[in-house]
Amino acid sequence: MPITNPDYSDLNYEEMAKAIGLKPKHMPMLIGSFLDEAAPILETLSVAIASNDYATVKTAAHSIKGSAGNLRFNEIYEMSKELEHAGAASDGSFEYTNYLAAIKQAIATIK
């Protein structure tokens, strides 16, 4: 998947809740948890990318991917999956920094 610039600033909690089988009242807590947990994972990912620590890239990207997928943040999920696969392959030519920046930008739009 190419890098995308998703904007999640206009989330519909009712649609999200229906898609994952929960009540809309639970969505703010789940999204808050996602944002709280994403921050240190993104920092770990940044450090791992800077040091070419592909195993940690794979693990950290997998964590973001899973959480994003659970909440149906599909573009974040797909970009994280690409990072995970590149890390697993120790692909030195992959655009890790650009994907990380796009993921961070997408997460920043979540309210």
N, C-alpha and C. Protein backbone atom coordinates (compact mmCIF):
# COMPACT_ATOMS: atom_id res chain seq x y z
N MET A 1 0.84 -1.18 0.00
CA MET A 1 0.00 0.00 0.00
C MET A 1 0.89 1.24 0.00
N PRO A 2 0.55 2.19 -0.81
CA PRO A 2 1.32 3.44 -0.77
C PRO A 2 1.00 4.24 0.48
N ILE A 3 1.84 5.19 0.77
CA ILE A 3 1.60 6.08 1.90
C ILE A 3 0.33 6.89 1.62
N THR A 4 -0.52 6.99 2.62
CA THR A 4 -1.75 7.77 2.48
C THR A 4 -1.77 8.85 3.55
N ASN A 5 -2.69 9.77 3.41
CA ASN A 5 -2.86 10.85 4.38
C ASN A 5 -4.29 10.85 4.91
N PRO A 6 -4.66 9.82 5.65
CA PRO A 6 -6.03 9.75 6.15
C PRO A 6 -6.31 10.83 7.20
N ASP A 7 -7.56 11.20 7.27
CA ASP A 7 -8.00 12.19 8.25
C ASP A 7 -9.14 11.57 9.06
N TYR A 8 -8.87 11.34 10.32
CA TYR A 8 -9.85 10.71 11.20
C TYR A 8 -10.51 11.73 12.13
N SER A 9 -10.47 13.00 11.76
CA SER A 9 -10.99 14.04 12.66
C SER A 9 -12.51 14.04 12.75
N ASP A 10 -13.18 13.37 11.84
CA ASP A 10 -14.64 13.37 11.82
C ASP A 10 -15.17 11.95 12.07
N LEU A 11 -14.74 11.35 13.17
CA LEU A 11 -15.14 9.98 13.48
C LEU A 11 -16.62 9.90 13.83
N ASN A 12 -17.24 8.85 13.38
CA ASN A 12 -18.63 8.58 13.72
C ASN A 12 -18.62 7.40 14.70
N TYR A 13 -18.79 7.70 15.98
CA TYR A 13 -18.71 6.66 17.01
C TYR A 13 -19.76 5.58 16.82
N GLU A 14 -20.93 5.95 16.33
CA GLU A 14 -21.98 4.96 16.14
C GLU A 14 -21.57 3.94 15.07
N GLU A 15 -21.04 4.43 13.95
CA GLU A 15 -20.60 3.52 12.89
C GLU A 15 -19.43 2.66 13.35
N MET A 16 -18.47 3.29 14.05
CA MET A 16 -17.32 2.54 14.56
C MET A 16 -17.77 1.44 15.51
N ALA A 17 -18.64 1.81 16.45
CA ALA A 17 -19.12 0.85 17.44
C ALA A 17 -19.86 -0.31 16.77
N LYS A 18 -20.68 0.01 15.81
CA LYS A 18 -21.42 -1.03 15.10
C LYS A 18 -20.48 -1.99 14.38
N ALA A 19 -19.44 -1.42 13.77
CA ALA A 19 -18.47 -2.23 13.01
C ALA A 19 -17.71 -3.21 13.90
N ILE A 20 -17.50 -2.84 15.16
CA ILE A 20 -16.72 -3.73 16.03
C ILE A 20 -17.58 -4.38 17.11
N GLY A 21 -18.89 -4.17 17.06
CA GLY A 21 -19.81 -4.86 17.95
C GLY A 21 -19.86 -4.31 19.37
N LEU A 22 -19.69 -3.00 19.51
CA LEU A 22 -19.75 -2.37 20.83
C LEU A 22 -20.78 -1.25 20.83
N LYS A 23 -20.98 -0.67 22.01
CA LYS A 23 -21.87 0.48 22.13
C LYS A 23 -21.08 1.76 21.90
N PRO A 24 -21.70 2.76 21.27
CA PRO A 24 -21.01 4.02 20.99
C PRO A 24 -20.40 4.68 22.23
N LYS A 25 -21.01 4.48 23.39
CA LYS A 25 -20.49 5.11 24.61
C LYS A 25 -19.10 4.61 24.98
N HIS A 26 -18.71 3.45 24.46
CA HIS A 26 -17.39 2.88 24.77
C HIS A 26 -16.28 3.42 23.87
N MET A 27 -16.64 4.04 22.77
CA MET A 27 -15.65 4.46 21.80
C MET A 27 -14.67 5.51 22.31
N PRO A 28 -15.11 6.55 23.03
CA PRO A 28 -14.13 7.52 23.51
C PRO A 28 -13.04 6.90 24.39
N MET A 29 -13.42 5.95 25.24
CA MET A 29 -12.44 5.28 26.10
C MET A 29 -11.47 4.45 25.27
N LEU A 30 -11.99 3.70 24.31
CA LEU A 30 -11.13 2.86 23.47
C LEU A 30 -10.18 3.70 22.62
N ILE A 31 -10.69 4.78 22.06
CA ILE A 31 -9.85 5.65 21.25
C ILE A 31 -8.80 6.33 22.12
N GLY A 32 -9.20 6.75 23.32
CA GLY A 32 -8.24 7.34 24.26
C GLY A 32 -7.13 6.36 24.61
N SER A 33 -7.50 5.11 24.84
CA SER A 33 -6.49 4.08 25.14
C SER A 33 -5.56 3.87 23.95
N PHE A 34 -6.13 3.86 22.75
CA PHE A 34 -5.31 3.70 21.55
C PHE A 34 -4.29 4.83 21.45
N LEU A 35 -4.74 6.06 21.67
CA LEU A 35 -3.84 7.21 21.58
C LEU A 35 -2.77 7.18 22.66
N ASP A 36 -3.17 6.81 23.88
CA ASP A 36 -2.20 6.72 24.99
C ASP A 36 -1.15 5.65 24.72
N GLU A 37 -1.58 4.52 24.21
CA GLU A 37 -0.65 3.41 23.97
C GLU A 37 0.19 3.64 22.71
N ALA A 38 -0.34 4.37 21.75
CA ALA A 38 0.39 4.59 20.50
C ALA A 38 1.62 5.46 20.70
N ALA A 39 1.52 6.45 21.57
CA ALA A 39 2.63 7.40 21.73
C ALA A 39 3.97 6.72 22.05
N PRO A 40 4.05 5.89 23.09
CA PRO A 40 5.35 5.26 23.35
C PRO A 40 5.76 4.24 22.29
N ILE A 41 4.80 3.60 21.66
CA ILE A 41 5.12 2.65 20.59
C ILE A 41 5.71 3.39 19.39
N LEU A 42 5.14 4.54 19.07
CA LEU A 42 5.68 5.34 17.96
C LEU A 42 7.09 5.83 18.26
N GLU A 43 7.34 6.17 19.52
CA GLU A 43 8.70 6.59 19.91
C GLU A 43 9.67 5.41 19.76
N THR A 44 9.26 4.24 20.21
CA THR A 44 10.09 3.04 20.06
C THR A 44 10.35 2.78 18.58
N LEU A 45 9.34 2.93 17.78
CA LEU A 45 9.47 2.71 16.34
C LEU A 45 10.44 3.71 15.73
N SER A 46 10.36 4.95 16.15
CA SER A 46 11.27 5.98 15.66
C SER A 46 12.72 5.65 15.97
N VAL A 47 12.98 5.26 17.20
CA VAL A 47 14.34 4.91 17.62
C VAL A 47 14.83 3.67 16.85
N ALA A 48 13.94 2.70 16.70
CA ALA A 48 14.31 1.47 15.99
C ALA A 48 14.65 1.76 14.53
N ILE A 49 13.88 2.64 13.91
CA ILE A 49 14.16 3.00 12.51
C ILE A 49 15.50 3.70 12.40
N ALA A 50 15.75 4.63 13.31
CA ALA A 50 17.01 5.38 13.29
C ALA A 50 18.23 4.47 13.45
N SER A 51 18.06 3.38 14.18
CA SER A 51 19.19 2.49 14.45
C SER A 51 19.15 1.21 13.60
N ASN A 52 18.26 1.17 12.62
CA ASN A 52 18.12 -0.02 11.76
C ASN A 52 17.88 -1.30 12.56
N ASP A 53 17.14 -1.18 13.63
CA ASP A 53 16.77 -2.32 14.46
C ASP A 53 15.48 -2.93 13.90
N TYR A 54 15.65 -3.76 12.90
CA TYR A 54 14.51 -4.28 12.15
C TYR A 54 13.59 -5.15 13.00
N ALA A 55 14.13 -5.88 13.94
CA ALA A 55 13.29 -6.73 14.79
C ALA A 55 12.33 -5.87 15.62
N THR A 56 12.84 -4.77 16.16
CA THR A 56 11.99 -3.87 16.94
C THR A 56 11.01 -3.13 16.04
N VAL A 57 11.42 -2.77 14.83
CA VAL A 57 10.49 -2.16 13.87
C VAL A 57 9.33 -3.11 13.65
N LYS A 58 9.64 -4.36 13.41
CA LYS A 58 8.60 -5.36 13.15
C LYS A 58 7.64 -5.46 14.34
N THR A 59 8.17 -5.56 15.53
CA THR A 59 7.35 -5.73 16.73
C THR A 59 6.49 -4.49 17.02
N ALA A 60 7.10 -3.32 16.94
CA ALA A 60 6.37 -2.09 17.23
C ALA A 60 5.29 -1.83 16.17
N ALA A 61 5.63 -2.05 14.91
CA ALA A 61 4.65 -1.85 13.84
C ALA A 61 3.49 -2.83 13.99
N HIS A 62 3.81 -4.04 14.43
CA HIS A 62 2.76 -5.05 14.66
C HIS A 62 1.79 -4.57 15.75
N SER A 63 2.31 -3.95 16.78
CA SER A 63 1.46 -3.44 17.87
C SER A 63 0.52 -2.36 17.38
N ILE A 64 1.05 -1.41 16.63
CA ILE A 64 0.21 -0.33 16.08
C ILE A 64 -0.82 -0.92 15.12
N LYS A 65 -0.37 -1.84 14.29
CA LYS A 65 -1.25 -2.47 13.30
C LYS A 65 -2.45 -3.13 13.98
N GLY A 66 -2.19 -3.89 15.03
CA GLY A 66 -3.27 -4.60 15.70
C GLY A 66 -4.29 -3.67 16.32
N SER A 67 -3.80 -2.67 17.02
CA SER A 67 -4.71 -1.71 17.65
C SER A 67 -5.50 -0.92 16.63
N ALA A 68 -4.83 -0.47 15.57
CA ALA A 68 -5.51 0.29 14.52
C ALA A 68 -6.55 -0.58 13.82
N GLY A 69 -6.20 -1.82 13.58
CA GLY A 69 -7.14 -2.73 12.93
C GLY A 69 -8.37 -2.98 13.77
N ASN A 70 -8.18 -3.14 15.07
CA ASN A 70 -9.32 -3.37 15.96
C ASN A 70 -10.31 -2.21 15.92
N LEU A 71 -9.80 -0.99 15.76
CA LEU A 71 -10.66 0.19 15.75
C LEU A 71 -11.06 0.61 14.33
N ARG A 72 -10.67 -0.17 13.35
CA ARG A 72 -11.00 0.09 11.95
C ARG A 72 -10.36 1.36 11.40
N PHE A 73 -9.18 1.69 11.92
CA PHE A 73 -8.37 2.75 11.32
C PHE A 73 -7.58 2.08 10.20
N ASN A 74 -8.26 1.81 9.10
CA ASN A 74 -7.74 0.93 8.07
C ASN A 74 -6.46 1.41 7.41
N GLU A 75 -6.34 2.71 7.17
CA GLU A 75 -5.12 3.22 6.52
C GLU A 75 -3.92 3.09 7.46
N ILE A 76 -4.11 3.37 8.74
CA ILE A 76 -3.02 3.19 9.71
C ILE A 76 -2.66 1.71 9.77
N TYR A 77 -3.67 0.86 9.78
CA TYR A 77 -3.44 -0.58 9.79
C TYR A 77 -2.57 -0.99 8.59
N GLU A 78 -2.95 -0.56 7.40
CA GLU A 78 -2.23 -0.98 6.19
C GLU A 78 -0.80 -0.45 6.17
N MET A 79 -0.61 0.81 6.56
CA MET A 79 0.76 1.35 6.56
C MET A 79 1.62 0.65 7.62
N SER A 80 1.02 0.34 8.76
CA SER A 80 1.75 -0.38 9.81
C SER A 80 2.11 -1.78 9.35
N LYS A 81 1.21 -2.39 8.61
CA LYS A 81 1.48 -3.73 8.07
C LYS A 81 2.68 -3.69 7.13
N GLU A 82 2.76 -2.65 6.30
CA GLU A 82 3.90 -2.51 5.40
C GLU A 82 5.21 -2.36 6.19
N LEU A 83 5.16 -1.54 7.25
CA LEU A 83 6.34 -1.38 8.12
C LEU A 83 6.73 -2.71 8.75
N GLU A 84 5.74 -3.42 9.24
CA GLU A 84 6.00 -4.71 9.88
C GLU A 84 6.67 -5.68 8.91
N HIS A 85 6.13 -5.78 7.72
CA HIS A 85 6.69 -6.70 6.73
C HIS A 85 8.09 -6.30 6.31
N ALA A 86 8.32 -5.00 6.15
CA ALA A 86 9.66 -4.53 5.78
C ALA A 86 10.65 -4.82 6.90
N GLY A 87 10.23 -4.61 8.15
CA GLY A 87 11.08 -4.93 9.28
C GLY A 87 11.40 -6.41 9.34
N ALA A 88 10.39 -7.23 9.11
CA ALA A 88 10.59 -8.69 9.13
C ALA A 88 11.58 -9.12 8.06
N ALA A 89 11.58 -8.41 6.93
CA ALA A 89 12.49 -8.75 5.83
C ALA A 89 13.82 -8.02 5.93
N SER A 90 14.00 -7.20 6.99
CA SER A 90 15.20 -6.37 7.13
C SER A 90 15.49 -5.61 5.84
N ASP A 91 14.44 -5.03 5.28
CA ASP A 91 14.52 -4.33 4.00
C ASP A 91 15.13 -2.94 4.19
N GLY A 92 16.40 -2.80 3.89
CA GLY A 92 17.10 -1.54 4.06
C GLY A 92 16.69 -0.45 3.08
N SER A 93 15.95 -0.80 2.03
CA SER A 93 15.54 0.19 1.04
C SER A 93 14.12 0.72 1.28
N PHE A 94 13.45 0.19 2.27
CA PHE A 94 12.07 0.61 2.55
C PHE A 94 12.04 2.04 3.10
N GLU A 95 10.98 2.76 2.83
CA GLU A 95 10.82 4.14 3.28
C GLU A 95 10.25 4.21 4.70
N TYR A 96 10.97 3.67 5.65
CA TYR A 96 10.50 3.60 7.04
C TYR A 96 10.10 4.98 7.59
N THR A 97 10.97 5.95 7.42
CA THR A 97 10.74 7.28 7.99
C THR A 97 9.49 7.91 7.41
N ASN A 98 9.27 7.76 6.12
CA ASN A 98 8.09 8.33 5.48
C ASN A 98 6.81 7.66 5.96
N TYR A 99 6.84 6.35 6.11
CA TYR A 99 5.67 5.63 6.61
C TYR A 99 5.39 6.03 8.06
N LEU A 100 6.42 6.12 8.86
CA LEU A 100 6.23 6.52 10.25
C LEU A 100 5.63 7.92 10.33
N ALA A 101 6.13 8.84 9.53
CA ALA A 101 5.59 10.20 9.52
C ALA A 101 4.11 10.20 9.12
N ALA A 102 3.74 9.40 8.14
CA ALA A 102 2.35 9.33 7.69
C ALA A 102 1.46 8.73 8.79
N ILE A 103 1.96 7.72 9.47
CA ILE A 103 1.20 7.12 10.57
C ILE A 103 1.00 8.13 11.70
N LYS A 104 2.07 8.82 12.04
CA LYS A 104 1.97 9.84 13.09
C LYS A 104 0.98 10.93 12.72
N GLN A 105 1.05 11.36 11.47
CA GLN A 105 0.14 12.40 11.00
C GLN A 105 -1.31 11.91 11.06
N ALA A 106 -1.55 10.69 10.65
CA ALA A 106 -2.90 10.14 10.69
C ALA A 106 -3.40 10.04 12.13
N ILE A 107 -2.56 9.56 13.03
CA ILE A 107 -2.95 9.43 14.43
C ILE A 107 -3.24 10.81 15.03
N ALA A 108 -2.50 11.81 14.60
CA ALA A 108 -2.70 13.17 15.12
C ALA A 108 -4.08 13.72 14.76
N THR A 109 -4.72 13.17 13.73
CA THR A 109 -6.05 13.66 13.35
C THR A 109 -7.16 13.04 14.20
N ILE A 110 -6.85 12.02 14.97
CA ILE A 110 -7.86 11.35 15.79
C ILE A 110 -8.17 12.20 17.00
N LYS A 111 -9.42 12.45 17.20
CA LYS A 111 -9.86 13.29 18.34
C LYS A 111 -10.58 12.45 19.36
